[in-house]
Amino acid sequence: MFRPLELFIGLRYTRAKRRNQFISFISSVSIVCITISVMALITVMSVMNGFDFQLRSRILGAVSDATVSSIDASGMQNWQRALEITHANPHVRGAAPYVDVQAFLQGRGSSGAMVRGIEPKLEPKVSDFSKHMVSGQFDSLTSKSWNILLGNELAMQLGVSVGDKIIVIVPQLRATPFGSVPLVRSFHVTGIYSLGMHDYDANLALINMQDAEALRSLAGPTGIRLKLDNLWNAAPVAHELSDKLGDIYSVRTWMQDNANFFSAISMEKLVMGIILSLIVLVAVINLVSMLMMLVTDKQAEIAILRTLGTTPRSIMGMFMVQGVLVGLVGIGFGVGLGSLLSWQLPNIVDWIQDVFHVQFLSPDVYYISQVPSRLEWHDVLWVTVVTFAFSLLATLYPAWRASRTQPAQALRYE
C-alpha cells in the first residue's frame, strides 16, 4: 500500500528500537503527561458543567423563564387579557398568575419571608414546587382554605410541621377601634417542600392566590410567570410580549434577574479552562525535549536521506509525524480516561465519602451537597483541538532543526 515517504519514515522511527533508551523514556513521559493533563481538563470542565446545570435547574425550578408584571402597585387589572396574549406566543409552554406578599411568619419561632399566592392547577406548568414536596400535598392550596406550604428550612426556623398553625403578619395597616394595626391571619401548614436552594427553602412560602389577594387587598395578581420551550429564547420572547402588552406591563427574564450569578459561573469556567490549558502546554514541552534529542540521535540518518535527495520539507515532515503521533496517543488516552472519570465521578466521590467518613460539600453550607458532573461533548472536542494544536506547534521547532542538518558536517565523524 502506498504511503508518503514522510509518514513511512516517521512511523518507522516511532516503532524502531532506539540506541538511546532515554529517548523512549522521555517519549513515554510525554504521553503520560499529555494524558493526565487532558484527563484533568475534561474532568474539571465536566464538574463545572455539573454545577452550572444543577444551579440553573434549581433556580429555574422556582424562578420562571420570564415574568409579566404590572407597573401599577394595585395589581394587574385585566390580567386575563395579558394571560391570553402570553398563551398566544408559540414559545410559551405555560403561564401562571401569582401574588407576592412580604410578611412576618410566627410559629414556635419567627422569621420574615416572601409569601407567594399561586394557582395550584397552573403553577406546575411554570415551576417545580409540586415535584419537591417532602410532606403534605401541593393541591391542598384551595381557595379560602387558608392553607400554606413552607420550605423545609423555613419550617425548621418556625419550629412547625404539617398540621401545625402559624401566624402571618402583613405590614399593611388597617383601621380599628384601637387604632391602626397590621393585618394578622392564621394559616394551617399543609405541606413542606425542598428545592435544595437556601434562598427559596428558607425565605418563601406558598398560599392560594385568592388568599394572597385578600391579604394585600388587591384587585388582581402581581404578575404572570411564564415557562418557555427554550429558556434561551427568553430575551426575544420578552421583547415581543412587551410590544403586544403595551406600556402598562413590564416583562423581565431569568437572565436579567440572575445575570450576575450565571455570568460569574461562566467566567469561572472560562478561567479554569485557560489555566488548565496552560497545564497542557507544560505537558507538551516534554514533547519538544523528546524530539530535540531524537533529532540529535538521528543526525547520521538525516544526512544520508539528504544525500539521497530528500528535501528539507520532507525531513521536517518526518519528525512532525512522530511528534503528532505521540500527541495523538496522549490525547486518545486522556479523552478516554477523562470521559470515564467524568461519567463515574459522583459515584467515586460518594464511595470516598463512605469509606473515609468525610463530607466534601456540607449541605449546611453549600446549595449542592454532592459533586455533580455533566460531560458535554463540545467541551471534549474543544480540549482535543487545543491539545492537538499545542502538540503540532511543539513539533515545529525540532522538525525545523532537523531540516537544517548539513550532510557534510553530520557525516564528518561517521
Protein backbone atom coordinates (compact mmCIF):
# COMPACT_ATOMS: atom_id res chain seq x y z
CA MET A 1 0.00 0.00 0.00
CA PHE A 2 1.35 3.43 -0.98
CA ARG A 3 2.29 5.77 1.86
CA PRO A 4 4.04 9.13 1.66
CA LEU A 5 7.75 8.95 2.42
CA GLU A 6 7.42 11.30 5.40
CA LEU A 7 4.69 9.18 7.01
CA PHE A 8 6.53 5.91 6.31
CA ILE A 9 9.86 7.01 7.85
CA GLY A 10 8.17 8.88 10.71
CA LEU A 11 6.26 5.75 11.73
CA ARG A 12 9.41 3.67 11.26
CA TYR A 13 11.30 5.91 13.68
CA THR A 14 8.47 5.51 16.16
CA ARG A 15 8.47 1.69 16.03
CA ALA A 16 12.24 1.17 15.78
CA LYS A 17 14.31 0.37 18.85
CA ARG A 18 16.45 3.38 19.52
CA ARG A 19 20.08 3.28 20.56
CA ASN A 20 19.33 5.81 23.25
CA GLN A 21 16.69 4.28 25.54
CA PHE A 22 16.38 7.58 27.37
CA ILE A 23 14.55 8.99 24.35
CA SER A 24 11.97 6.21 24.66
CA PHE A 25 11.54 7.08 28.33
CA ILE A 26 11.01 10.79 27.54
CA SER A 27 8.51 9.82 24.84
CA SER A 28 6.56 7.72 27.35
CA VAL A 29 6.67 10.54 29.87
CA SER A 30 5.32 12.92 27.22
CA ILE A 31 2.39 10.62 26.53
CA VAL A 32 1.64 10.23 30.25
CA CYS A 33 1.81 14.00 30.88
CA ILE A 34 -0.48 14.79 27.96
CA THR A 35 -2.89 12.05 29.08
CA ILE A 36 -3.07 13.36 32.66
CA SER A 37 -3.49 16.98 31.60
CA VAL A 38 -6.25 16.18 29.08
CA MET A 39 -7.99 13.94 31.62
CA ALA A 40 -7.81 16.68 34.28
CA LEU A 41 -9.10 19.33 31.89
CA ILE A 42 -12.09 17.23 30.78
CA THR A 43 -12.94 16.27 34.36
CA VAL A 44 -12.80 19.83 35.69
CA MET A 45 -14.86 21.14 32.78
CA SER A 46 -17.44 18.39 33.43
CA VAL A 47 -17.65 19.30 37.12
CA MET A 48 -18.11 22.97 36.23
CA ASN A 49 -20.85 21.98 33.78
CA GLY A 50 -22.46 19.90 36.51
CA PHE A 51 -22.52 22.77 38.99
CA ASP A 52 -23.86 25.13 36.32
CA PHE A 53 -26.61 22.69 35.32
CA GLN A 54 -27.62 21.93 38.91
CA LEU A 55 -27.75 25.58 39.94
CA ARG A 56 -29.56 26.59 36.78
CA SER A 57 -32.17 23.82 37.10
CA ARG A 58 -32.74 24.51 40.80
CA ILE A 59 -33.00 28.26 40.38
CA LEU A 60 -35.26 27.95 37.36
CA GLY A 61 -37.34 25.43 39.29
CA ALA A 62 -38.53 28.37 41.40
CA VAL A 63 -37.83 31.30 39.07
CA SER A 64 -39.80 31.48 35.85
CA ASP A 65 -38.18 31.86 32.43
CA ALA A 66 -39.97 35.22 32.06
CA THR A 67 -42.29 37.33 34.20
CA VAL A 68 -45.00 39.76 33.14
CA SER A 69 -45.85 42.28 35.86
CA SER A 70 -47.90 45.43 36.17
CA ILE A 71 -46.34 48.80 36.80
CA ASP A 72 -49.42 49.59 38.90
CA ALA A 73 -48.84 48.71 42.57
CA SER A 74 -52.50 47.76 42.98
CA GLY A 75 -52.10 44.71 40.75
CA MET A 76 -52.90 43.66 37.19
CA GLN A 77 -56.40 44.95 36.48
CA ASN A 78 -57.01 42.97 33.27
CA TRP A 79 -54.72 40.03 33.83
CA GLN A 80 -56.94 37.58 31.89
CA ARG A 81 -56.22 39.51 28.68
CA ALA A 82 -52.49 39.50 29.42
CA LEU A 83 -52.70 35.76 30.05
CA GLU A 84 -54.36 35.22 26.66
CA ILE A 85 -51.67 37.28 24.90
CA THR A 86 -48.86 35.30 26.53
CA HIS A 87 -50.50 31.97 25.69
CA ALA A 88 -50.77 33.07 22.05
CA ASN A 89 -46.98 33.23 21.77
CA PRO A 90 -45.72 29.95 20.22
CA HIS A 91 -42.70 29.81 22.55
CA VAL A 92 -44.79 29.94 25.75
CA ARG A 93 -45.46 26.48 27.16
CA GLY A 94 -47.07 27.55 30.42
CA ALA A 95 -48.31 30.67 32.24
CA ALA A 96 -49.50 31.14 35.80
CA PRO A 97 -50.53 34.28 37.75
CA TYR A 98 -49.06 34.99 41.18
CA VAL A 99 -49.25 37.43 44.08
CA ASP A 100 -46.21 38.30 46.22
CA VAL A 101 -46.74 39.37 49.82
CA GLN A 102 -43.88 40.37 52.11
CA ALA A 103 -44.81 39.08 55.55
CA PHE A 104 -43.63 38.07 59.01
CA LEU A 105 -44.33 34.45 59.99
CA GLN A 106 -44.61 33.22 63.57
CA GLY A 107 -44.87 29.68 64.89
CA ARG A 108 -42.78 28.38 67.77
CA GLY A 109 -40.12 30.56 66.20
CA SER A 110 -40.40 33.52 63.86
CA SER A 111 -38.97 34.65 60.53
CA GLY A 112 -39.58 37.11 57.73
CA ALA A 113 -40.46 35.56 54.37
CA MET A 114 -41.98 36.17 50.99
CA VAL A 115 -45.47 34.67 50.81
CA ARG A 116 -46.43 33.87 47.23
CA GLY A 117 -50.01 33.33 46.16
CA ILE A 118 -50.38 30.81 43.33
CA GLU A 119 -52.98 28.89 41.37
CA PRO A 120 -52.31 25.19 42.22
CA LYS A 121 -53.61 23.96 38.86
CA LEU A 122 -51.45 26.35 36.80
CA GLU A 123 -48.30 26.59 38.94
CA PRO A 124 -46.84 23.16 37.94
CA LYS A 125 -46.63 24.47 34.36
CA VAL A 126 -44.07 27.13 35.36
CA SER A 127 -42.28 25.76 38.47
CA ASP A 128 -41.19 22.52 40.14
CA PHE A 129 -42.60 23.02 43.65
CA SER A 130 -45.07 20.16 43.21
CA LYS A 131 -42.18 17.79 42.35
CA HIS A 132 -40.22 18.59 45.52
CA MET A 133 -42.81 18.04 48.25
CA VAL A 134 -41.24 16.47 51.33
CA SER A 135 -44.53 16.04 53.17
CA GLY A 136 -48.14 17.10 52.70
CA GLN A 137 -50.00 17.80 49.47
CA PHE A 138 -49.38 20.54 46.93
CA ASP A 139 -53.06 20.51 45.91
CA SER A 140 -54.12 21.50 49.44
CA LEU A 141 -53.88 25.20 48.48
CA THR A 142 -57.57 25.61 47.74
CA SER A 143 -59.31 29.00 47.72
CA LYS A 144 -60.30 30.39 51.15
CA SER A 145 -58.78 27.36 52.89
CA TRP A 146 -56.00 29.49 54.42
CA ASN A 147 -53.51 26.69 53.96
CA ILE A 148 -49.80 27.32 53.48
CA LEU A 149 -46.77 25.42 52.15
CA LEU A 150 -43.35 26.11 53.69
CA GLY A 151 -39.80 25.43 52.60
CA ASN A 152 -38.09 22.83 54.80
CA GLU A 153 -35.58 25.33 56.22
CA LEU A 154 -38.30 27.92 56.86
CA ALA A 155 -40.36 25.25 58.68
CA MET A 156 -37.32 24.47 60.85
CA GLN A 157 -36.87 28.15 61.71
CA LEU A 158 -40.54 28.40 62.67
CA GLY A 159 -40.44 25.08 64.52
CA VAL A 160 -43.54 23.72 62.79
CA SER A 161 -44.53 20.72 60.71
CA VAL A 162 -47.54 19.59 58.71
CA GLY A 163 -50.72 20.03 60.74
CA ASP A 164 -49.47 22.97 62.82
CA LYS A 165 -50.72 26.54 62.68
CA ILE A 166 -48.68 29.69 62.05
CA ILE A 167 -49.48 33.38 62.20
CA VAL A 168 -48.86 35.52 59.09
CA ILE A 169 -48.43 39.22 59.77
CA VAL A 170 -48.62 41.55 56.76
CA PRO A 171 -47.16 45.07 57.19
CA GLN A 172 -50.34 46.68 55.88
CA LEU A 173 -52.11 48.83 58.44
CA ARG A 174 -55.88 48.77 58.81
CA ALA A 175 -58.09 51.00 60.95
CA THR A 176 -59.71 49.51 64.06
CA PRO A 177 -61.36 50.99 67.17
CA PHE A 178 -57.99 50.53 68.84
CA GLY A 179 -56.09 52.39 66.10
CA SER A 180 -54.11 51.21 63.08
CA VAL A 181 -52.86 47.63 63.38
CA PRO A 182 -51.14 45.31 60.87
CA LEU A 183 -53.11 42.58 59.16
CA VAL A 184 -52.83 39.26 61.01
CA ARG A 185 -54.05 35.90 59.72
CA SER A 186 -53.77 32.31 60.92
CA PHE A 187 -52.74 29.61 58.40
CA HIS A 188 -52.63 25.81 58.51
CA VAL A 189 -49.35 24.20 57.43
CA THR A 190 -50.42 21.53 54.92
CA GLY A 191 -47.14 20.82 53.17
CA ILE A 192 -43.35 21.21 53.22
CA TYR A 193 -41.16 21.31 50.09
CA SER A 194 -37.42 21.26 49.48
CA LEU A 195 -35.94 22.72 46.29
CA GLY A 196 -32.36 22.37 47.52
CA MET A 197 -31.79 26.14 47.28
CA HIS A 198 -31.42 28.01 50.55
CA ASP A 199 -32.88 31.28 49.24
CA TYR A 200 -36.18 29.57 48.45
CA ASP A 201 -36.31 26.85 51.11
CA ALA A 202 -35.72 29.41 53.87
CA ASN A 203 -37.46 32.53 52.58
CA LEU A 204 -40.52 31.51 50.56
CA ALA A 205 -43.99 30.23 51.48
CA LEU A 206 -46.86 29.35 49.14
CA ILE A 207 -50.58 30.03 49.59
CA ASN A 208 -53.60 30.17 47.30
CA MET A 209 -53.70 33.26 45.06
CA GLN A 210 -57.19 34.32 46.25
CA ASP A 211 -55.97 34.18 49.85
CA ALA A 212 -52.96 36.32 48.92
CA GLU A 213 -55.21 38.88 47.17
CA ALA A 214 -57.31 39.08 50.31
CA LEU A 215 -54.20 39.66 52.43
CA ARG A 216 -52.98 42.53 50.24
CA SER A 217 -56.44 43.82 49.23
CA LEU A 218 -55.50 43.59 45.54
CA ALA A 219 -57.83 43.62 42.56
CA GLY A 220 -55.62 41.20 40.61
CA PRO A 221 -52.34 39.28 40.69
CA THR A 222 -48.91 40.86 40.97
CA GLY A 223 -47.85 39.32 37.68
CA ILE A 224 -47.76 36.28 35.42
CA ARG A 225 -44.89 33.79 35.39
CA LEU A 226 -44.03 32.10 32.08
CA LYS A 227 -42.39 28.84 31.06
CA LEU A 228 -40.84 28.77 27.57
CA ASP A 229 -39.96 25.98 25.18
CA ASN A 230 -36.34 27.09 25.32
CA LEU A 231 -35.04 29.26 28.16
CA TRP A 232 -32.53 30.86 25.76
CA ASN A 233 -35.47 32.34 23.85
CA ALA A 234 -36.38 34.45 26.89
CA ALA A 235 -34.95 37.74 25.57
CA PRO A 236 -36.69 37.78 22.14
CA VAL A 237 -39.95 36.50 23.66
CA ALA A 238 -39.84 39.24 26.30
CA HIS A 239 -39.28 41.87 23.60
CA GLU A 240 -42.21 40.55 21.55
CA LEU A 241 -44.56 40.40 24.54
CA SER A 242 -43.59 43.93 25.61
CA ASP A 243 -44.68 45.24 22.20
CA LYS A 244 -48.04 43.43 22.39
CA LEU A 245 -48.88 44.12 26.03
CA GLY A 246 -48.12 47.82 25.95
CA ASP A 247 -46.52 50.21 28.42
CA ILE A 248 -48.71 49.25 31.38
CA TYR A 249 -46.81 45.96 31.76
CA SER A 250 -43.13 45.15 32.16
CA VAL A 251 -41.53 41.87 31.08
CA ARG A 252 -38.37 40.56 32.73
CA THR A 253 -36.41 37.40 32.01
CA TRP A 254 -34.44 34.98 34.15
CA MET A 255 -31.28 36.33 32.51
CA GLN A 256 -31.96 39.82 33.87
CA ASP A 257 -32.82 38.59 37.36
CA ASN A 258 -29.82 36.23 37.64
CA ALA A 259 -27.39 37.71 35.11
CA ASN A 260 -24.55 38.35 37.58
CA PHE A 261 -24.80 34.90 39.10
CA PHE A 262 -24.64 32.95 35.84
CA SER A 263 -22.04 35.33 34.38
CA ALA A 264 -19.81 34.56 37.36
CA ILE A 265 -20.17 30.81 36.73
CA SER A 266 -19.36 31.22 33.02
CA MET A 267 -16.34 33.38 33.84
CA GLU A 268 -15.11 30.85 36.38
CA LYS A 269 -15.43 28.05 33.83
CA LEU A 270 -13.52 30.12 31.25
CA VAL A 271 -10.71 30.94 33.68
CA MET A 272 -10.40 27.32 34.79
CA GLY A 273 -10.24 26.25 31.15
CA ILE A 274 -7.46 28.73 30.40
CA ILE A 275 -5.44 27.72 33.47
CA LEU A 276 -5.73 24.01 32.70
CA SER A 277 -4.85 24.70 29.06
CA LEU A 278 -1.55 26.07 30.35
CA ILE A 279 -1.04 22.75 32.12
CA VAL A 280 -1.50 21.04 28.76
CA LEU A 281 1.08 23.42 27.31
CA VAL A 282 3.56 22.48 30.04
CA ALA A 283 2.95 18.78 29.33
CA VAL A 284 3.65 19.37 25.63
CA ILE A 285 7.07 20.86 26.47
CA ASN A 286 8.24 17.30 27.19
CA LEU A 287 7.39 16.57 23.57
CA VAL A 288 9.81 19.29 22.45
CA SER A 289 12.59 17.79 24.58
CA MET A 290 11.96 14.31 23.19
CA LEU A 291 12.05 15.48 19.59
CA MET A 292 15.19 17.57 20.10
CA MET A 293 17.02 14.53 21.50
CA LEU A 294 15.69 12.38 18.66
CA VAL A 295 16.96 14.87 16.08
CA THR A 296 20.40 14.75 17.68
CA ASP A 297 20.30 10.95 17.78
CA LYS A 298 19.31 10.68 14.10
CA GLN A 299 21.84 13.14 12.65
CA ALA A 300 23.56 10.48 10.53
CA GLU A 301 20.27 9.07 9.16
CA ILE A 302 19.09 12.58 8.32
CA ALA A 303 22.35 13.31 6.49
CA ILE A 304 22.03 10.09 4.46
CA LEU A 305 18.46 10.96 3.50
CA ARG A 306 19.58 14.43 2.44
CA THR A 307 22.37 13.00 0.23
CA LEU A 308 19.77 10.72 -1.42
CA GLY A 309 17.80 13.81 -2.44
CA THR A 310 15.26 14.17 0.34
CA THR A 311 14.12 17.77 0.64
CA PRO A 312 14.26 19.75 3.91
CA ARG A 313 10.45 19.89 3.84
CA SER A 314 10.27 16.08 3.79
CA ILE A 315 12.75 15.84 6.67
CA MET A 316 10.65 18.28 8.63
CA GLY A 317 7.51 16.23 7.89
CA MET A 318 9.11 13.01 9.17
CA PHE A 319 9.72 14.41 12.64
CA MET A 320 6.40 16.20 12.74
CA VAL A 321 4.72 12.83 12.12
CA GLN A 322 6.39 11.33 15.17
CA GLY A 323 5.62 14.29 17.41
CA VAL A 324 1.99 14.44 16.30
CA LEU A 325 1.66 10.67 16.83
CA VAL A 326 2.85 10.98 20.44
CA GLY A 327 0.37 13.82 20.96
CA LEU A 328 -2.50 11.83 19.43
CA VAL A 329 -1.77 8.82 21.65
CA GLY A 330 -1.77 11.04 24.72
CA ILE A 331 -4.97 12.77 23.60
CA GLY A 332 -6.66 9.43 22.94
CA PHE A 333 -5.86 8.05 26.39
CA GLY A 334 -6.70 11.39 28.04
CA VAL A 335 -10.10 11.69 26.35
CA GLY A 336 -10.98 8.08 27.17
CA LEU A 337 -9.93 8.23 30.82
CA GLY A 338 -11.29 11.76 31.30
CA SER A 339 -14.69 10.81 29.89
CA LEU A 340 -14.82 7.68 32.06
CA LEU A 341 -13.81 9.62 35.17
CA SER A 342 -16.35 12.38 34.46
CA TRP A 343 -19.07 9.77 33.99
CA GLN A 344 -18.31 7.95 37.26
CA LEU A 345 -17.10 10.91 39.35
CA PRO A 346 -20.26 11.27 41.52
CA ASN A 347 -20.11 7.55 42.39
CA ILE A 348 -16.37 7.75 43.11
CA VAL A 349 -16.85 10.77 45.40
CA ASP A 350 -19.72 9.02 47.22
CA TRP A 351 -17.53 5.94 47.71
CA ILE A 352 -14.67 8.04 49.13
CA GLN A 353 -17.08 9.82 51.50
CA ASP A 354 -18.50 6.50 52.71
CA VAL A 355 -15.11 4.83 53.19
CA PHE A 356 -13.31 7.74 54.87
CA HIS A 357 -16.39 9.25 56.57
CA VAL A 358 -15.87 12.74 55.16
CA GLN A 359 -18.25 15.25 53.60
CA PHE A 360 -16.76 17.37 50.81
CA LEU A 361 -19.80 19.62 50.35
CA SER A 362 -21.73 20.14 53.56
CA PRO A 363 -25.46 20.72 52.94
CA ASP A 364 -25.41 23.30 55.76
CA VAL A 365 -23.00 25.47 53.76
CA TYR A 366 -23.47 24.72 50.05
CA TYR A 367 -26.52 24.69 47.81
CA ILE A 368 -25.38 21.37 46.33
CA SER A 369 -24.27 18.63 48.72
CA GLN A 370 -22.98 16.21 46.06
CA VAL A 371 -20.23 16.72 43.49
CA PRO A 372 -22.05 16.88 40.14
CA SER A 373 -20.56 16.02 36.76
CA ARG A 374 -22.01 16.66 33.31
CA LEU A 375 -19.93 15.57 30.32
CA GLU A 376 -20.59 17.70 27.26
CA TRP A 377 -19.01 16.59 24.01
CA HIS A 378 -18.37 20.08 22.70
CA ASP A 379 -16.01 20.55 25.67
CA VAL A 380 -14.27 17.27 24.82
CA LEU A 381 -13.90 18.45 21.23
CA TRP A 382 -12.51 21.80 22.38
CA VAL A 383 -9.95 20.09 24.65
CA THR A 384 -8.95 17.72 21.84
CA VAL A 385 -8.46 20.53 19.32
CA VAL A 386 -6.47 22.71 21.74
CA THR A 387 -4.19 19.84 22.82
CA PHE A 388 -3.63 18.75 19.22
CA ALA A 389 -2.77 22.33 18.26
CA PHE A 390 -0.25 22.54 21.11
CA SER A 391 1.27 19.19 20.08
CA LEU A 392 1.53 20.31 16.46
CA LEU A 393 3.20 23.59 17.44
CA ALA A 394 5.62 21.70 19.69
CA THR A 395 6.91 19.70 16.72
CA LEU A 396 7.68 22.70 14.52
CA TYR A 397 10.99 23.84 16.02
CA PRO A 398 12.62 20.38 16.41
CA ALA A 399 11.45 19.41 12.90
CA TRP A 400 12.84 22.67 11.52
CA ARG A 401 16.19 21.98 13.23
CA ALA A 402 16.23 18.53 11.63
CA SER A 403 15.57 20.01 8.19
CA ARG A 404 18.56 22.37 8.63
CA THR A 405 21.01 19.48 9.12
CA GLN A 406 24.06 19.75 6.80
CA PRO A 407 25.05 16.28 5.42
CA ALA A 408 28.78 17.02 5.24
CA GLN A 409 29.01 18.14 8.89
CA ALA A 410 26.82 15.31 10.15
CA LEU A 411 28.80 12.59 8.35
CA ARG A 412 32.27 14.03 9.06
CA TYR A 413 32.98 11.73 12.02
CA GLU A 414 30.91 8.70 10.88
